[in-house]
Every structure is written in structure tokens, then in C-alpha cells.
Amino acid sequence: MKIETSACYHPVVPLSDTSPNAKRVQLEVLRGLSGEQRLLTALEMSDLTRELARARIRREHPEWTEHQVIRELLRIAFLPEPLPSGMR
């Protein structure tokens, strides 16, 4: 049975640049958080990721309105391909 893999992914390549010691410390800190603190941390990380993506979109398309930026952010999040040109 042949397993299909993406051209940019190889299962031997580590997907993290975090050292084992840093990873251990990170896990200790996370385990010390309450459920509410973990949720708030996850939400903050999500907000930061979204703002970074919006900044990239604005940098790539400075002429776009905020509506177009948000639409592209949603497209990136939920659609695999760009929208047809008439849909922007």
C-alpha cells in the first residue's frame, strides 16, 4: 500500500523548533494552569494569529478595504482555493 505525502512534508522532519528542554518547561507551565487559564491562553493565541494574518493581507493588498481584508481572512481559513475574480 502506497502512502501519499505532500511534496513539502516528510514524516522524518521535525515539525517543531523547540528544544526538548524548552518543551519540558512549556509542558510544566501548561500543566500548572487551570482550565480557564488554558482556554484564555488558547483564545489569546488565536487572536494573535488572526491579527498577524490580517496584517499580512493588508501588506500584500494595501488598496483593499477592511471588508475585503476580512473576506480574504475567512477565505484563507475555510476555503482551499482563491475565490473567482468576480467574487471579491
PDB file of N, CA and C in Angstrom:
ATOM      1  N   MET A   1       0.842  -1.179   0.000  1.00  0.00           N
ATOM      2  CA  MET A   1       0.000   0.000   0.000  1.00  0.00           C
ATOM      3  C   MET A   1       0.887   1.242   0.000  1.00  0.00           C
ATOM      4  N   LYS A   2       0.667   2.119  -0.947  1.00  0.00           N
ATOM      5  CA  LYS A   2       1.456   3.345  -1.058  1.00  0.00           C
ATOM      6  C   LYS A   2       0.782   4.466  -0.280  1.00  0.00           C
ATOM      7  N   ILE A   3       1.566   5.201   0.528  1.00  0.00           N
ATOM      8  CA  ILE A   3       1.047   6.325   1.284  1.00  0.00           C
ATOM      9  C   ILE A   3       1.402   7.593   0.536  1.00  0.00           C
ATOM     10  N   GLU A   4       0.375   8.390   0.233  1.00  0.00           N
ATOM     11  CA  GLU A   4       0.585   9.662  -0.451  1.00  0.00           C
ATOM     12  C   GLU A   4       1.058  10.704   0.556  1.00  0.00           C
ATOM     13  N   THR A   5       2.079  11.474   0.191  1.00  0.00           N
ATOM     14  CA  THR A   5       2.540  12.564   1.051  1.00  0.00           C
ATOM     15  C   THR A   5       2.663  13.824   0.222  1.00  0.00           C
ATOM     16  N   SER A   6       2.523  14.935   0.874  1.00  0.00           N
ATOM     17  CA  SER A   6       2.666  16.227   0.222  1.00  0.00           C
ATOM     18  C   SER A   6       4.128  16.444  -0.145  1.00  0.00           C
ATOM     19  N   ALA A   7       4.380  17.219  -1.194  1.00  0.00           N
ATOM     20  CA  ALA A   7       5.747  17.496  -1.629  1.00  0.00           C
ATOM     21  C   ALA A   7       6.517  18.286  -0.577  1.00  0.00           C
ATOM     22  N   CYS A   8       5.820  19.013   0.283  1.00  0.00           N
ATOM     23  CA  CYS A   8       6.513  19.847   1.259  1.00  0.00           C
ATOM     24  C   CYS A   8       6.575  19.205   2.645  1.00  0.00           C
ATOM     25  N   TYR A   9       6.138  17.972   2.774  1.00  0.00           N
ATOM     26  CA  TYR A   9       6.130  17.316   4.078  1.00  0.00           C
ATOM     27  C   TYR A   9       6.869  15.997   4.002  1.00  0.00           C
ATOM     28  N   HIS A  10       7.704  15.781   4.967  1.00  0.00           N
ATOM     29  CA  HIS A  10       8.385  14.496   5.088  1.00  0.00           C
ATOM     30  C   HIS A  10       8.263  14.066   6.537  1.00  0.00           C
ATOM     31  N   PRO A  11       7.772  12.857   6.816  1.00  0.00           N
ATOM     32  CA  PRO A  11       7.490  12.452   8.187  1.00  0.00           C
ATOM     33  C   PRO A  11       8.710  12.429   9.111  1.00  0.00           C
ATOM     34  N   VAL A  12       9.923  12.437   8.579  1.00  0.00           N
ATOM     35  CA  VAL A  12      11.116  12.407   9.408  1.00  0.00           C
ATOM     36  C   VAL A  12      11.509  13.811   9.883  1.00  0.00           C
ATOM     37  N   VAL A  13      11.060  14.827   9.172  1.00  0.00           N
ATOM     38  CA  VAL A  13      11.413  16.197   9.503  1.00  0.00           C
ATOM     39  C   VAL A  13      10.625  16.631  10.733  1.00  0.00           C
ATOM     40  N   PRO A  14      11.302  17.112  11.782  1.00  0.00           N
ATOM     41  CA  PRO A  14      10.557  17.561  12.961  1.00  0.00           C
ATOM     42  C   PRO A  14       9.713  18.788  12.641  1.00  0.00           C
ATOM     43  N   LEU A  15       8.522  18.841  13.224  1.00  0.00           N
ATOM     44  CA  LEU A  15       7.617  19.943  12.953  1.00  0.00           C
ATOM     45  C   LEU A  15       7.734  21.039  14.006  1.00  0.00           C
ATOM     46  N   SER A  16       8.752  20.970  14.838  1.00  0.00           N
ATOM     47  CA  SER A  16       8.930  21.957  15.892  1.00  0.00           C
ATOM     48  C   SER A  16      10.387  22.371  15.978  1.00  0.00           C
ATOM     49  N   ASP A  17      10.608  23.633  16.302  1.00  0.00           N
ATOM     50  CA  ASP A  17      11.977  24.086  16.514  1.00  0.00           C
ATOM     51  C   ASP A  17      12.252  24.244  18.010  1.00  0.00           C
ATOM     52  N   THR A  18      11.363  23.697  18.843  1.00  0.00           N
ATOM     53  CA  THR A  18      11.507  23.781  20.289  1.00  0.00           C
ATOM     54  C   THR A  18      12.417  22.675  20.782  1.00  0.00           C
ATOM     55  N   SER A  19      13.414  23.039  21.579  1.00  0.00           N
ATOM     56  CA  SER A  19      14.329  22.034  22.124  1.00  0.00           C
ATOM     57  C   SER A  19      13.585  21.156  23.127  1.00  0.00           C
ATOM     58  N   PRO A  20      14.061  19.936  23.355  1.00  0.00           N
ATOM     59  CA  PRO A  20      13.412  19.054  24.335  1.00  0.00           C
ATOM     60  C   PRO A  20      13.317  19.695  25.727  1.00  0.00           C
ATOM     61  N   ASN A  21      14.358  20.424  26.147  1.00  0.00           N
ATOM     62  CA  ASN A  21      14.320  21.058  27.458  1.00  0.00           C
ATOM     63  C   ASN A  21      13.258  22.165  27.500  1.00  0.00           C
ATOM     64  N   ALA A  22      13.195  22.981  26.454  1.00  0.00           N
ATOM     65  CA  ALA A  22      12.185  24.039  26.396  1.00  0.00           C
ATOM     66  C   ALA A  22      10.787  23.436  26.354  1.00  0.00           C
ATOM     67  N   LYS A  23      10.627  22.341  25.637  1.00  0.00           N
ATOM     68  CA  LYS A  23       9.339  21.657  25.554  1.00  0.00           C
ATOM     69  C   LYS A  23       8.913  21.156  26.933  1.00  0.00           C
ATOM     70  N   ARG A  24       9.861  20.625  27.692  1.00  0.00           N
ATOM     71  CA  ARG A  24       9.579  20.128  29.041  1.00  0.00           C
ATOM     72  C   ARG A  24       9.087  21.268  29.929  1.00  0.00           C
ATOM     73  N   VAL A  25       9.783  22.403  29.888  1.00  0.00           N
ATOM     74  CA  VAL A  25       9.387  23.570  30.683  1.00  0.00           C
ATOM     75  C   VAL A  25       8.006  24.061  30.260  1.00  0.00           C
ATOM     76  N   GLN A  26       7.778  24.111  28.945  1.00  0.00           N
ATOM     77  CA  GLN A  26       6.490  24.551  28.419  1.00  0.00           C
ATOM     78  C   GLN A  26       5.368  23.662  28.948  1.00  0.00           C
ATOM     79  N   LEU A  27       5.565  22.351  28.926  1.00  0.00           N
ATOM     80  CA  LEU A  27       4.534  21.423  29.406  1.00  0.00           C
ATOM     81  C   LEU A  27       4.306  21.591  30.900  1.00  0.00           C
ATOM     82  N   GLU A  28       5.358  21.821  31.665  1.00  0.00           N
ATOM     83  CA  GLU A  28       5.209  22.043  33.109  1.00  0.00           C
ATOM     84  C   GLU A  28       4.355  23.284  33.370  1.00  0.00           C
ATOM     85  N   VAL A  29       4.628  24.350  32.635  1.00  0.00           N
ATOM     86  CA  VAL A  29       3.857  25.585  32.807  1.00  0.00           C
ATOM     87  C   VAL A  29       2.394  25.348  32.435  1.00  0.00           C
ATOM     88  N   LEU A  30       2.154  24.716  31.291  1.00  0.00           N
ATOM     89  CA  LEU A  30       0.779  24.463  30.857  1.00  0.00           C
ATOM     90  C   LEU A  30       0.032  23.571  31.832  1.00  0.00           C
ATOM     91  N   ARG A  31       0.692  22.568  32.378  1.00  0.00           N
ATOM     92  CA  ARG A  31       0.039  21.681  33.348  1.00  0.00           C
ATOM     93  C   ARG A  31      -0.308  22.408  34.643  1.00  0.00           C
ATOM     94  N   GLY A  32       0.394  23.484  34.921  1.00  0.00           N
ATOM     95  CA  GLY A  32       0.120  24.266  36.117  1.00  0.00           C
ATOM     96  C   GLY A  32      -1.033  25.241  35.969  1.00  0.00           C
ATOM     97  N   LEU A  33      -1.538  25.409  34.759  1.00  0.00           N
ATOM     98  CA  LEU A  33      -2.633  26.342  34.510  1.00  0.00           C
ATOM     99  C   LEU A  33      -3.977  25.671  34.784  1.00  0.00           C
ATOM    100  N   SER A  34      -4.929  26.468  35.223  1.00  0.00           N
ATOM    101  CA  SER A  34      -6.294  25.960  35.371  1.00  0.00           C
ATOM    102  C   SER A  34      -6.919  25.812  33.984  1.00  0.00           C
ATOM    103  N   GLY A  35      -8.041  25.152  33.918  1.00  0.00           N
ATOM    104  CA  GLY A  35      -8.743  25.010  32.639  1.00  0.00           C
ATOM    105  C   GLY A  35      -9.098  26.358  32.046  1.00  0.00           C
ATOM    106  N   GLU A  36      -9.533  27.280  32.894  1.00  0.00           N
ATOM    107  CA  GLU A  36      -9.883  28.617  32.420  1.00  0.00           C
ATOM    108  C   GLU A  36      -8.653  29.344  31.873  1.00  0.00           C
ATOM    109  N   GLN A  37      -7.527  29.219  32.558  1.00  0.00           N
ATOM    110  CA  GLN A  37      -6.294  29.865  32.092  1.00  0.00           C
ATOM    111  C   GLN A  37      -5.842  29.270  30.763  1.00  0.00           C
ATOM    112  N   ARG A  38      -5.978  27.960  30.599  1.00  0.00           N
ATOM    113  CA  ARG A  38      -5.615  27.321  29.324  1.00  0.00           C
ATOM    114  C   ARG A  38      -6.502  27.837  28.197  1.00  0.00           C
ATOM    115  N   LEU A  39      -7.799  27.930  28.472  1.00  0.00           N
ATOM    116  CA  LEU A  39      -8.728  28.429  27.459  1.00  0.00           C
ATOM    117  C   LEU A  39      -8.396  29.864  27.077  1.00  0.00           C
ATOM    118  N   LEU A  40      -8.154  30.721  28.069  1.00  0.00           N
ATOM    119  CA  LEU A  40      -7.808  32.111  27.779  1.00  0.00           C
ATOM    120  C   LEU A  40      -6.510  32.211  26.982  1.00  0.00           C
ATOM    121  N   THR A  41      -5.533  31.367  27.307  1.00  0.00           N
ATOM    122  CA  THR A  41      -4.274  31.348  26.558  1.00  0.00           C
ATOM    123  C   THR A  41      -4.519  30.951  25.107  1.00  0.00           C
ATOM    124  N   ALA A  42      -5.344  29.932  24.903  1.00  0.00           N
ATOM    125  CA  ALA A  42      -5.654  29.490  23.540  1.00  0.00           C
ATOM    126  C   ALA A  42      -6.371  30.588  22.761  1.00  0.00           C
ATOM    127  N   LEU A  43      -7.304  31.272  23.409  1.00  0.00           N
ATOM    128  CA  LEU A  43      -8.031  32.355  22.734  1.00  0.00           C
ATOM    129  C   LEU A  43      -7.102  33.513  22.389  1.00  0.00           C
ATOM    130  N   GLU A  44      -6.179  33.846  23.282  1.00  0.00           N
ATOM    131  CA  GLU A  44      -5.209  34.908  23.001  1.00  0.00           C
ATOM    132  C   GLU A  44      -4.313  34.526  21.825  1.00  0.00           C
ATOM    133  N   MET A  45      -3.891  33.266  21.780  1.00  0.00           N
ATOM    134  CA  MET A  45      -3.051  32.809  20.671  1.00  0.00           C
ATOM    135  C   MET A  45      -3.828  32.866  19.358  1.00  0.00           C
ATOM    136  N   SER A  46      -5.107  32.513  19.403  1.00  0.00           N
ATOM    137  CA  SER A  46      -5.946  32.568  18.213  1.00  0.00           C
ATOM    138  C   SER A  46      -6.100  34.009  17.729  1.00  0.00           C
ATOM    139  N   ASP A  47      -6.342  34.929  18.671  1.00  0.00           N
ATOM    140  CA  ASP A  47      -6.456  36.348  18.306  1.00  0.00           C
ATOM    141  C   ASP A  47      -5.162  36.861  17.677  1.00  0.00           C
ATOM    142  N   LEU A  48      -4.030  36.498  18.273  1.00  0.00           N
ATOM    143  CA  LEU A  48      -2.736  36.948  17.736  1.00  0.00           C
ATOM    144  C   LEU A  48      -2.517  36.404  16.329  1.00  0.00           C
ATOM    145  N   THR A  49      -2.821  35.136  16.129  1.00  0.00           N
ATOM    146  CA  THR A  49      -2.657  34.522  14.808  1.00  0.00           C
ATOM    147  C   THR A  49      -3.529  35.229  13.776  1.00  0.00           C
ATOM    148  N   ARG A  50      -4.764  35.528  14.144  1.00  0.00           N
ATOM    149  CA  ARG A  50      -5.675  36.213  13.229  1.00  0.00           C
ATOM    150  C   ARG A  50      -5.168  37.619  12.898  1.00  0.00           C
ATOM    151  N   GLU A  51      -4.667  38.348  13.895  1.00  0.00           N
ATOM    152  CA  GLU A  51      -4.143  39.697  13.644  1.00  0.00           C
ATOM    153  C   GLU A  51      -2.904  39.666  12.752  1.00  0.00           C
ATOM    154  N   LEU A  52      -2.043  38.675  12.952  1.00  0.00           N
ATOM    155  CA  LEU A  52      -0.866  38.539  12.087  1.00  0.00           C
ATOM    156  C   LEU A  52      -1.286  38.255  10.646  1.00  0.00           C
ATOM    157  N   ALA A  53      -2.287  37.402  10.478  1.00  0.00           N
ATOM    158  CA  ALA A  53      -2.782  37.095   9.133  1.00  0.00           C
ATOM    159  C   ALA A  53      -3.393  38.338   8.489  1.00  0.00           C
ATOM    160  N   ARG A  54      -4.164  39.106   9.262  1.00  0.00           N
ATOM    161  CA  ARG A  54      -4.755  40.341   8.723  1.00  0.00           C
ATOM    162  C   ARG A  54      -3.670  41.335   8.325  1.00  0.00           C
ATOM    163  N   ALA A  55      -2.619  41.436   9.126  1.00  0.00           N
ATOM    164  CA  ALA A  55      -1.521  42.352   8.803  1.00  0.00           C
ATOM    165  C   ALA A  55      -0.840  41.934   7.497  1.00  0.00           C
ATOM    166  N   ARG A  56      -0.659  40.623   7.306  1.00  0.00           N
ATOM    167  CA  ARG A  56      -0.047  40.132   6.069  1.00  0.00           C
ATOM    168  C   ARG A  56      -0.935  40.461   4.870  1.00  0.00           C
ATOM    169  N   ILE A  57      -2.232  40.237   5.026  1.00  0.00           N
ATOM    170  CA  ILE A  57      -3.159  40.532   3.929  1.00  0.00           C
ATOM    171  C   ILE A  57      -3.128  42.023   3.597  1.00  0.00           C
ATOM    172  N   ARG A  58      -3.136  42.868   4.618  1.00  0.00           N
ATOM    173  CA  ARG A  58      -3.073  44.325   4.383  1.00  0.00           C
ATOM    174  C   ARG A  58      -1.776  44.722   3.691  1.00  0.00           C
ATOM    175  N   ARG A  59      -0.669  44.093   4.079  1.00  0.00           N
ATOM    176  CA  ARG A  59       0.629  44.400   3.469  1.00  0.00           C
ATOM    177  C   ARG A  59       0.639  43.972   1.999  1.00  0.00           C
ATOM    178  N   GLU A  60       0.035  42.818   1.701  1.00  0.00           N
ATOM    179  CA  GLU A  60       0.009  42.317   0.328  1.00  0.00           C
ATOM    180  C   GLU A  60      -1.007  43.059  -0.540  1.00  0.00           C
ATOM    181  N   HIS A  61      -2.038  43.634   0.083  1.00  0.00           N
ATOM    182  CA  HIS A  61      -3.109  44.316  -0.661  1.00  0.00           C
ATOM    183  C   HIS A  61      -3.452  45.635   0.029  1.00  0.00           C
ATOM    184  N   PRO A  62      -2.556  46.607  -0.001  1.00  0.00           N
ATOM    185  CA  PRO A  62      -2.801  47.869   0.707  1.00  0.00           C
ATOM    186  C   PRO A  62      -4.016  48.638   0.187  1.00  0.00           C
ATOM    187  N   GLU A  63      -4.450  48.338  -1.018  1.00  0.00           N
ATOM    188  CA  GLU A  63      -5.587  49.049  -1.606  1.00  0.00           C
ATOM    189  C   GLU A  63      -6.934  48.475  -1.147  1.00  0.00           C
ATOM    190  N   TRP A  64      -6.937  47.333  -0.476  1.00  0.00           N
ATOM    191  CA  TRP A  64      -8.175  46.671  -0.075  1.00  0.00           C
ATOM    192  C   TRP A  64      -8.838  47.382   1.094  1.00  0.00           C
ATOM    193  N   THR A  65     -10.160  47.343   1.095  1.00  0.00           N
ATOM    194  CA  THR A  65     -10.932  47.858   2.231  1.00  0.00           C
ATOM    195  C   THR A  65     -10.865  46.839   3.369  1.00  0.00           C
ATOM    196  N   GLU A  66     -11.287  47.258   4.564  1.00  0.00           N
ATOM    197  CA  GLU A  66     -11.299  46.332   5.702  1.00  0.00           C
ATOM    198  C   GLU A  66     -12.235  45.153   5.420  1.00  0.00           C
ATOM    199  N   HIS A  67     -13.340  45.418   4.725  1.00  0.00           N
ATOM    200  CA  HIS A  67     -14.259  44.344   4.348  1.00  0.00           C
ATOM    201  C   HIS A  67     -13.549  43.292   3.486  1.00  0.00           C
ATOM    202  N   GLN A  68     -12.769  43.736   2.528  1.00  0.00           N
ATOM    203  CA  GLN A  68     -12.042  42.802   1.661  1.00  0.00           C
ATOM    204  C   GLN A  68     -10.990  42.024   2.450  1.00  0.00           C
ATOM    205  N   VAL A  69     -10.340  42.678   3.389  1.00  0.00           N
ATOM    206  CA  VAL A  69      -9.338  42.009   4.223  1.00  0.00           C
ATOM    207  C   VAL A  69      -9.993  40.898   5.041  1.00  0.00           C
ATOM    208  N   ILE A  70     -11.132  41.207   5.657  1.00  0.00           N
ATOM    209  CA  ILE A  70     -11.832  40.210   6.464  1.00  0.00           C
ATOM    210  C   ILE A  70     -12.332  39.062   5.596  1.00  0.00           C
ATOM    211  N   ARG A  71     -12.829  39.388   4.417  1.00  0.00           N
ATOM    212  CA  ARG A  71     -13.307  38.352   3.496  1.00  0.00           C
ATOM    213  C   ARG A  71     -12.162  37.400   3.109  1.00  0.00           C
ATOM    214  N   GLU A  72     -10.981  37.962   2.849  1.00  0.00           N
ATOM    215  CA  GLU A  72      -9.830  37.138   2.497  1.00  0.00           C
ATOM    216  C   GLU A  72      -9.386  36.297   3.689  1.00  0.00           C
ATOM    217  N   LEU A  73      -9.433  36.855   4.878  1.00  0.00           N
ATOM    218  CA  LEU A  73      -9.092  36.096   6.082  1.00  0.00           C
ATOM    219  C   LEU A  73     -10.025  34.892   6.234  1.00  0.00           C
ATOM    220  N   LEU A  74     -11.298  35.095   6.023  1.00  0.00           N
ATOM    221  CA  LEU A  74     -12.258  33.990   6.086  1.00  0.00           C
ATOM    222  C   LEU A  74     -12.017  32.980   4.972  1.00  0.00           C
ATOM    223  N   ARG A  75     -11.692  33.485   3.789  1.00  0.00           N
ATOM    224  CA  ARG A  75     -11.417  32.575   2.674  1.00  0.00           C
ATOM    225  C   ARG A  75     -10.217  31.699   2.977  1.00  0.00           C
ATOM    226  N   ILE A  76      -9.163  32.291   3.513  1.00  0.00           N
ATOM    227  CA  ILE A  76      -7.969  31.530   3.851  1.00  0.00           C
ATOM    228  C   ILE A  76      -8.304  30.468   4.899  1.00  0.00           C
ATOM    229  N   ALA A  77      -9.137  30.823   5.863  1.00  0.00           N
ATOM    230  CA  ALA A  77      -9.472  29.906   6.943  1.00  0.00           C
ATOM    231  C   ALA A  77     -10.354  28.753   6.488  1.00  0.00           C
ATOM    232  N   PHE A  78     -11.241  28.985   5.534  1.00  0.00           N
ATOM    233  CA  PHE A  78     -12.250  27.978   5.230  1.00  0.00           C
ATOM    234  C   PHE A  78     -12.259  27.424   3.810  1.00  0.00           C
ATOM    235  N   LEU A  79     -11.564  28.058   2.881  1.00  0.00           N
ATOM    236  CA  LEU A  79     -11.578  27.573   1.503  1.00  0.00           C
ATOM    237  C   LEU A  79     -10.159  27.235   1.041  1.00  0.00           C
ATOM    238  N   PRO A  80      -9.999  26.141   0.322  1.00  0.00           N
ATOM    239  CA  PRO A  80      -8.646  25.763  -0.111  1.00  0.00           C
ATOM    240  C   PRO A  80      -8.112  26.566  -1.284  1.00  0.00           C
ATOM    241  N   GLU A  81      -8.976  27.159  -2.074  1.00  0.00           N
ATOM    242  CA  GLU A  81      -8.558  27.862  -3.286  1.00  0.00           C
ATOM    243  C   GLU A  81      -9.029  29.304  -3.259  1.00  0.00           C
ATOM    244  N   PRO A  82      -8.354  30.208  -3.995  1.00  0.00           N
ATOM    245  CA  PRO A  82      -8.850  31.580  -4.100  1.00  0.00           C
ATOM    246  C   PRO A  82     -10.227  31.640  -4.716  1.00  0.00           C
ATOM    247  N   LEU A  83     -10.986  32.651  -4.350  1.00  0.00           N
ATOM    248  CA  LEU A  83     -12.299  32.847  -4.947  1.00  0.00           C
ATOM    249  C   LEU A  83     -12.130  33.293  -6.397  1.00  0.00           C
ATOM    250  N   PRO A  84     -13.106  32.996  -7.259  1.00  0.00           N
ATOM    251  CA  PRO A  84     -13.043  33.524  -8.619  1.00  0.00           C
ATOM    252  C   PRO A  84     -12.984  35.042  -8.580  1.00  0.00           C
ATOM    253  N   SER A  85     -12.386  35.659  -9.583  1.00  0.00           N
ATOM    254  CA  SER A  85     -12.152  37.106  -9.580  1.00  0.00           C
ATOM    255  C   SER A  85     -13.423  37.910  -9.396  1.00  0.00           C
ATOM    256  N   GLY A  86     -14.553  37.474  -9.879  1.00  0.00           N
ATOM    257  CA  GLY A  86     -15.802  38.212  -9.732  1.00  0.00           C
ATOM    258  C   GLY A  86     -16.401  38.144  -8.349  1.00  0.00           C
ATOM    259  N   MET A  87     -15.846  37.323  -7.463  1.00  0.00           N
ATOM    260  CA  MET A  87     -16.404  37.114  -6.126  1.00  0.00           C
ATOM    261  C   MET A  87     -15.765  38.020  -5.084  1.00  0.00           C
ATOM    262  N   ARG A  88     -14.760  38.786  -5.408  1.00  0.00           N
ATOM    263  CA  ARG A  88     -14.090  39.621  -4.410  1.00  0.00           C
ATOM    264  C   ARG A  88     -14.840  40.848  -4.252  1.00  0.00           C
TER     265      ARG A  88
END
